[in-house]
Amino acid sequence: MPASPQNLASLLFETEEPSMQREILDEPALSDLQTRIGDLPDISWPAAKSTLADALAEALDVKLIEIVGGTWAKLKQLQEYRDPLRHPPEETALVPLVDHKIRSTHAPSIDLLSGEKLIANLVFDVALLLTLTGVTLKIRNGRIVEIASGDCKGTGTIKYAGQKLAERSTPKWAIPGSLSLGDGFAIPHLPGVET
């Protein structure tokens, strides 16, 4: 794999380009949709498929860093870093995480319209599993601001109407020496957890 995946589309299809999405739209699970579109007078399946592939690529543009950053921010072990007395805002803490897995599910949907008429509402089920090893987080002022190291590998599946359209597992890729998270992810207060 030449580069690490950046979003759900590149993890599932090894590219963010909609060409691979076009291929899965020909799966038997979508044959009913193909028939309904084929029966319409003003639209062809190839044209609809191209539009749907573009829409699916856009719907799968969910950044992996947002998934993992949002999950990490909710870890109980990070709650103490919210306390400015224990960890002043100018302090940078390096927090190693144990090897762990992050699971997330997504349900991107696409409305296919002909003029003002709704032809179909397509809801896809996406499941993601990321396995992370050796990750160290940099925390400053109650926010995760950088990933200092680690490795990751992922598996993703996409289904429609309960039928698998695509599944892909990536080889392990290294998180670069440090990956800045910009403004970072705020560590929210978790009810019932003392800081």
C-alpha atoms as a PDB file:
ATOM      1  CA  MET A   1       0.000   0.000   0.000  1.00  0.00           C
ATOM      2  CA  PRO A   2       1.698   3.192  -1.147  1.00  0.00           C
ATOM      3  CA  ALA A   3       0.223   5.525   1.472  1.00  0.00           C
ATOM      4  CA  SER A   4      -1.738   5.242   4.654  1.00  0.00           C
ATOM      5  CA  PRO A   5      -5.500   5.593   4.210  1.00  0.00           C
ATOM      6  CA  GLN A   6      -6.830   8.983   5.221  1.00  0.00           C
ATOM      7  CA  ASN A   7     -10.579   8.339   5.210  1.00  0.00           C
ATOM      8  CA  LEU A   8     -13.132   5.539   4.998  1.00  0.00           C
ATOM      9  CA  ALA A   9     -13.132   5.626   1.176  1.00  0.00           C
ATOM     10  CA  SER A  10      -9.370   5.118   0.891  1.00  0.00           C
ATOM     11  CA  LEU A  11      -9.429   2.363   3.527  1.00  0.00           C
ATOM     12  CA  LEU A  12     -12.294   0.486   1.861  1.00  0.00           C
ATOM     13  CA  PHE A  13     -11.200   0.992  -1.744  1.00  0.00           C
ATOM     14  CA  GLU A  14      -7.480   1.872  -1.534  1.00  0.00           C
ATOM     15  CA  THR A  15      -8.342   5.141  -3.251  1.00  0.00           C
ATOM     16  CA  GLU A  16     -10.593   8.134  -2.726  1.00  0.00           C
ATOM     17  CA  GLU A  17     -11.461   8.173  -6.423  1.00  0.00           C
ATOM     18  CA  PRO A  18     -15.012   6.921  -7.181  1.00  0.00           C
ATOM     19  CA  SER A  19     -13.867   4.266  -9.732  1.00  0.00           C
ATOM     20  CA  MET A  20     -13.990   1.425  -7.182  1.00  0.00           C
ATOM     21  CA  GLN A  21     -17.345   2.638  -5.893  1.00  0.00           C
ATOM     22  CA  ARG A  22     -18.693   2.314  -9.450  1.00  0.00           C
ATOM     23  CA  GLU A  23     -17.725  -1.363  -9.435  1.00  0.00           C
ATOM     24  CA  ILE A  24     -19.622  -2.196  -6.240  1.00  0.00           C
ATOM     25  CA  LEU A  25     -22.743  -0.511  -7.600  1.00  0.00           C
ATOM     26  CA  ASP A  26     -22.973  -3.396 -10.083  1.00  0.00           C
ATOM     27  CA  GLU A  27     -23.248  -5.932  -7.240  1.00  0.00           C
ATOM     28  CA  PRO A  28     -26.414  -8.117  -7.221  1.00  0.00           C
ATOM     29  CA  ALA A  29     -27.593  -6.440  -3.991  1.00  0.00           C
ATOM     30  CA  LEU A  30     -28.334  -3.341  -6.066  1.00  0.00           C
ATOM     31  CA  SER A  31     -30.012  -5.110  -9.017  1.00  0.00           C
ATOM     32  CA  ASP A  32     -33.477  -3.906  -7.932  1.00  0.00           C
ATOM     33  CA  LEU A  33     -32.231  -0.319  -8.053  1.00  0.00           C
ATOM     34  CA  GLN A  34     -30.693  -0.892 -11.471  1.00  0.00           C
ATOM     35  CA  THR A  35     -34.042  -2.222 -12.720  1.00  0.00           C
ATOM     36  CA  ARG A  36     -36.012   0.710 -11.280  1.00  0.00           C
ATOM     37  CA  ILE A  37     -33.634   3.186 -12.885  1.00  0.00           C
ATOM     38  CA  GLY A  38     -33.668   1.270 -16.173  1.00  0.00           C
ATOM     39  CA  ASP A  39     -37.467   1.661 -16.238  1.00  0.00           C
ATOM     40  CA  LEU A  40     -37.269   5.452 -16.006  1.00  0.00           C
ATOM     41  CA  PRO A  41     -37.582   7.330 -19.295  1.00  0.00           C
ATOM     42  CA  ASP A  42     -35.086  10.129 -18.631  1.00  0.00           C
ATOM     43  CA  ILE A  43     -32.167   8.423 -16.908  1.00  0.00           C
ATOM     44  CA  SER A  44     -29.802   5.598 -17.765  1.00  0.00           C
ATOM     45  CA  TRP A  45     -28.087   3.235 -15.332  1.00  0.00           C
ATOM     46  CA  PRO A  46     -24.537   4.237 -16.454  1.00  0.00           C
ATOM     47  CA  ALA A  47     -25.305   7.918 -15.790  1.00  0.00           C
ATOM     48  CA  ALA A  48     -26.985   7.158 -12.469  1.00  0.00           C
ATOM     49  CA  LYS A  49     -24.145   4.830 -11.462  1.00  0.00           C
ATOM     50  CA  SER A  50     -21.557   7.543 -12.070  1.00  0.00           C
ATOM     51  CA  THR A  51     -23.553  10.039  -9.979  1.00  0.00           C
ATOM     52  CA  LEU A  52     -24.077   7.474  -7.216  1.00  0.00           C
ATOM     53  CA  ALA A  53     -20.371   6.572  -7.165  1.00  0.00           C
ATOM     54  CA  ASP A  54     -19.456  10.245  -6.725  1.00  0.00           C
ATOM     55  CA  ALA A  55     -22.036  10.600  -3.947  1.00  0.00           C
ATOM     56  CA  LEU A  56     -20.790   7.438  -2.214  1.00  0.00           C
ATOM     57  CA  ALA A  57     -17.170   8.645  -2.378  1.00  0.00           C
ATOM     58  CA  GLU A  58     -18.295  11.919  -0.792  1.00  0.00           C
ATOM     59  CA  ALA A  59     -20.324  10.102   1.886  1.00  0.00           C
ATOM     60  CA  LEU A  60     -17.279   7.996   2.763  1.00  0.00           C
ATOM     61  CA  ASP A  61     -15.039  11.035   3.181  1.00  0.00           C
ATOM     62  CA  VAL A  62     -14.951  10.517   6.948  1.00  0.00           C
ATOM     63  CA  LYS A  63     -11.407  11.172   8.156  1.00  0.00           C
ATOM     64  CA  LEU A  64      -9.861   8.277  10.079  1.00  0.00           C
ATOM     65  CA  ILE A  65      -8.081  10.723  12.375  1.00  0.00           C
ATOM     66  CA  GLU A  66     -11.471  12.140  13.421  1.00  0.00           C
ATOM     67  CA  ILE A  67     -12.678   8.640  14.273  1.00  0.00           C
ATOM     68  CA  VAL A  68      -9.630   7.728  16.369  1.00  0.00           C
ATOM     69  CA  GLY A  69      -9.165  11.184  17.891  1.00  0.00           C
ATOM     70  CA  GLY A  70     -12.781  11.350  18.994  1.00  0.00           C
ATOM     71  CA  THR A  71     -12.517   7.858  20.498  1.00  0.00           C
ATOM     72  CA  TRP A  72      -9.244   8.560  22.304  1.00  0.00           C
ATOM     73  CA  ALA A  73     -10.606  11.788  23.777  1.00  0.00           C
ATOM     74  CA  LYS A  74     -13.211   9.724  25.651  1.00  0.00           C
ATOM     75  CA  LEU A  75     -10.725   7.416  27.385  1.00  0.00           C
ATOM     76  CA  LYS A  76     -11.056   7.434  31.181  1.00  0.00           C
ATOM     77  CA  GLN A  77      -7.290   7.385  31.593  1.00  0.00           C
ATOM     78  CA  LEU A  78      -7.069  10.838  29.968  1.00  0.00           C
ATOM     79  CA  GLN A  79      -9.508  12.528  32.352  1.00  0.00           C
ATOM     80  CA  GLU A  80      -6.749  13.755  34.667  1.00  0.00           C
ATOM     81  CA  TYR A  81      -5.331  15.883  31.819  1.00  0.00           C
ATOM     82  CA  ARG A  82      -8.461  18.057  31.946  1.00  0.00           C
ATOM     83  CA  ASP A  83      -7.402  19.375  35.363  1.00  0.00           C
ATOM     84  CA  PRO A  84      -5.352  22.606  34.871  1.00  0.00           C
ATOM     85  CA  LEU A  85      -3.998  22.403  38.435  1.00  0.00           C
ATOM     86  CA  ARG A  86      -2.459  18.960  37.894  1.00  0.00           C
ATOM     87  CA  HIS A  87      -1.506  19.649  34.288  1.00  0.00           C
ATOM     88  CA  PRO A  88      -1.072  23.392  33.594  1.00  0.00           C
ATOM     89  CA  PRO A  89      -2.037  24.622  30.099  1.00  0.00           C
ATOM     90  CA  GLU A  90       1.609  25.135  29.072  1.00  0.00           C
ATOM     91  CA  GLU A  91       2.541  21.544  30.008  1.00  0.00           C
ATOM     92  CA  THR A  92       2.883  18.937  27.278  1.00  0.00           C
ATOM     93  CA  ALA A  93       2.255  15.390  28.455  1.00  0.00           C
ATOM     94  CA  LEU A  94       3.268  12.278  26.541  1.00  0.00           C
ATOM     95  CA  VAL A  95       0.761   9.510  27.219  1.00  0.00           C
ATOM     96  CA  PRO A  96       1.472   6.023  25.845  1.00  0.00           C
ATOM     97  CA  LEU A  97      -1.596   3.930  25.091  1.00  0.00           C
ATOM     98  CA  VAL A  98      -1.682   0.180  25.343  1.00  0.00           C
ATOM     99  CA  ASP A  99      -2.186  -1.714  22.121  1.00  0.00           C
ATOM    100  CA  HIS A 100      -5.865  -1.380  21.348  1.00  0.00           C
ATOM    101  CA  LYS A 101      -8.635  -1.656  18.789  1.00  0.00           C
ATOM    102  CA  ILE A 102     -11.127   0.947  17.711  1.00  0.00           C
ATOM    103  CA  ARG A 103     -14.422  -0.172  16.210  1.00  0.00           C
ATOM    104  CA  SER A 104     -16.808   2.220  14.570  1.00  0.00           C
ATOM    105  CA  THR A 105     -19.896   1.947  12.431  1.00  0.00           C
ATOM    106  CA  HIS A 106     -21.293   4.410   9.944  1.00  0.00           C
ATOM    107  CA  ALA A 107     -24.493   4.568   7.912  1.00  0.00           C
ATOM    108  CA  PRO A 108     -23.923   6.909   4.971  1.00  0.00           C
ATOM    109  CA  SER A 109     -27.069   7.470   2.920  1.00  0.00           C
ATOM    110  CA  ILE A 110     -27.705   8.788  -0.557  1.00  0.00           C
ATOM    111  CA  ASP A 111     -30.963  10.138  -1.940  1.00  0.00           C
ATOM    112  CA  LEU A 112     -31.321   9.526  -5.673  1.00  0.00           C
ATOM    113  CA  LEU A 113     -33.629  12.088  -7.251  1.00  0.00           C
ATOM    114  CA  SER A 114     -35.076  12.529 -10.699  1.00  0.00           C
ATOM    115  CA  GLY A 115     -36.063  16.161 -10.790  1.00  0.00           C
ATOM    116  CA  GLU A 116     -37.978  16.598  -7.527  1.00  0.00           C
ATOM    117  CA  LYS A 117     -39.011  12.947  -7.311  1.00  0.00           C
ATOM    118  CA  LEU A 118     -37.208  10.633  -4.872  1.00  0.00           C
ATOM    119  CA  ILE A 119     -36.286   7.439  -6.715  1.00  0.00           C
ATOM    120  CA  ALA A 120     -34.403   5.762  -3.902  1.00  0.00           C
ATOM    121  CA  ASN A 121     -32.846   6.334  -0.515  1.00  0.00           C
ATOM    122  CA  LEU A 122     -29.773   4.126  -0.269  1.00  0.00           C
ATOM    123  CA  VAL A 123     -28.393   3.443   3.198  1.00  0.00           C
ATOM    124  CA  PHE A 124     -25.051   1.683   3.396  1.00  0.00           C
ATOM    125  CA  ASP A 125     -23.665   0.002   6.510  1.00  0.00           C
ATOM    126  CA  VAL A 126     -19.949   0.542   7.041  1.00  0.00           C
ATOM    127  CA  ALA A 127     -17.977  -1.220   9.776  1.00  0.00           C
ATOM    128  CA  LEU A 128     -14.419  -0.257  10.625  1.00  0.00           C
ATOM    129  CA  LEU A 129     -11.870  -1.965  12.846  1.00  0.00           C
ATOM    130  CA  LEU A 130      -8.523  -0.276  13.460  1.00  0.00           C
ATOM    131  CA  THR A 131      -5.785  -2.066  15.378  1.00  0.00           C
ATOM    132  CA  LEU A 132      -3.247   0.341  16.870  1.00  0.00           C
ATOM    133  CA  THR A 133       0.088  -0.495  18.473  1.00  0.00           C
ATOM    134  CA  GLY A 134       2.701   1.673  20.178  1.00  0.00           C
ATOM    135  CA  VAL A 135       0.662   4.876  20.048  1.00  0.00           C
ATOM    136  CA  THR A 136       1.788   7.827  22.168  1.00  0.00           C
ATOM    137  CA  LEU A 137      -0.399  10.909  22.466  1.00  0.00           C
ATOM    138  CA  LYS A 138       0.730  14.460  23.160  1.00  0.00           C
ATOM    139  CA  ILE A 139      -1.732  16.299  25.364  1.00  0.00           C
ATOM    140  CA  ARG A 140      -1.719  20.008  26.102  1.00  0.00           C
ATOM    141  CA  ASN A 141      -4.329  22.171  27.800  1.00  0.00           C
ATOM    142  CA  GLY A 142      -6.891  19.363  28.012  1.00  0.00           C
ATOM    143  CA  ARG A 143      -6.589  18.515  24.303  1.00  0.00           C
ATOM    144  CA  ILE A 144      -4.974  15.706  22.318  1.00  0.00           C
ATOM    145  CA  VAL A 145      -2.800  17.726  19.948  1.00  0.00           C
ATOM    146  CA  GLU A 146      -0.457  15.191  18.383  1.00  0.00           C
ATOM    147  CA  ILE A 147       0.146  11.507  17.805  1.00  0.00           C
ATOM    148  CA  ALA A 148       3.813  10.942  18.544  1.00  0.00           C
ATOM    149  CA  SER A 149       4.273   7.397  17.217  1.00  0.00           C
ATOM    150  CA  GLY A 150       2.635   4.077  16.492  1.00  0.00           C
ATOM    151  CA  ASP A 151       1.444   1.614  13.876  1.00  0.00           C
ATOM    152  CA  CYS A 152      -2.032   0.907  12.574  1.00  0.00           C
ATOM    153  CA  LYS A 153      -3.822  -1.576  10.370  1.00  0.00           C
ATOM    154  CA  GLY A 154      -7.448  -1.595   9.421  1.00  0.00           C
ATOM    155  CA  THR A 155     -10.322  -3.679   8.159  1.00  0.00           C
ATOM    156  CA  GLY A 156     -13.467  -2.239   6.668  1.00  0.00           C
ATOM    157  CA  THR A 157     -16.675  -3.610   5.186  1.00  0.00           C
ATOM    158  CA  ILE A 158     -19.505  -1.957   3.357  1.00  0.00           C
ATOM    159  CA  LYS A 159     -22.932  -3.544   3.024  1.00  0.00           C
ATOM    160  CA  TYR A 160     -26.225  -2.678   1.415  1.00  0.00           C
ATOM    161  CA  ALA A 161     -29.476  -4.341   2.511  1.00  0.00           C
ATOM    162  CA  GLY A 162     -27.439  -6.785   4.607  1.00  0.00           C
ATOM    163  CA  GLN A 163     -25.331  -7.943   1.653  1.00  0.00           C
ATOM    164  CA  LYS A 164     -21.600  -7.345   1.623  1.00  0.00           C
ATOM    165  CA  LEU A 165     -20.473  -5.162  -1.264  1.00  0.00           C
ATOM    166  CA  ALA A 166     -16.799  -4.859  -0.364  1.00  0.00           C
ATOM    167  CA  GLU A 167     -14.355  -5.800   2.354  1.00  0.00           C
ATOM    168  CA  ARG A 168     -10.728  -4.848   2.662  1.00  0.00           C
ATOM    169  CA  SER A 169      -7.902  -5.291   5.136  1.00  0.00           C
ATOM    170  CA  THR A 170      -4.864  -3.069   4.960  1.00  0.00           C
ATOM    171  CA  PRO A 171      -1.306  -3.997   5.734  1.00  0.00           C
ATOM    172  CA  LYS A 172       0.157  -2.326   8.811  1.00  0.00           C
ATOM    173  CA  TRP A 173       1.278   1.240   8.222  1.00  0.00           C
ATOM    174  CA  ALA A 174       3.416   3.471  10.408  1.00  0.00           C
ATOM    175  CA  ILE A 175       2.013   6.630  11.849  1.00  0.00           C
ATOM    176  CA  PRO A 176       4.685   9.195  10.968  1.00  0.00           C
ATOM    177  CA  GLY A 177       7.156  10.278  13.675  1.00  0.00           C
ATOM    178  CA  SER A 178       4.595  12.834  14.748  1.00  0.00           C
ATOM    179  CA  LEU A 179       1.222  13.717  13.353  1.00  0.00           C
ATOM    180  CA  SER A 180      -0.137  17.106  14.359  1.00  0.00           C
ATOM    181  CA  LEU A 181      -3.865  17.254  15.033  1.00  0.00           C
ATOM    182  CA  GLY A 182      -4.110  21.026  14.611  1.00  0.00           C
ATOM    183  CA  ASP A 183      -6.374  22.374  17.348  1.00  0.00           C
ATOM    184  CA  GLY A 184      -6.679  18.780  18.516  1.00  0.00           C
ATOM    185  CA  PHE A 185      -9.492  16.966  20.241  1.00  0.00           C
ATOM    186  CA  ALA A 186     -10.850  18.282  23.522  1.00  0.00           C
ATOM    187  CA  ILE A 187     -10.989  15.699  26.279  1.00  0.00           C
ATOM    188  CA  PRO A 188     -14.616  15.906  27.422  1.00  0.00           C
ATOM    189  CA  HIS A 189     -15.748  15.399  30.988  1.00  0.00           C
ATOM    190  CA  LEU A 190     -17.030  11.861  31.397  1.00  0.00           C
ATOM    191  CA  PRO A 191     -19.903  11.606  33.879  1.00  0.00           C
ATOM    192  CA  GLY A 192     -18.988   9.617  36.957  1.00  0.00           C
ATOM    193  CA  VAL A 193     -15.215  10.007  36.431  1.00  0.00           C
ATOM    194  CA  GLU A 194     -13.336  12.150  38.933  1.00  0.00           C
ATOM    195  CA  THR A 195     -10.372  14.187  37.697  1.00  0.00           C
END
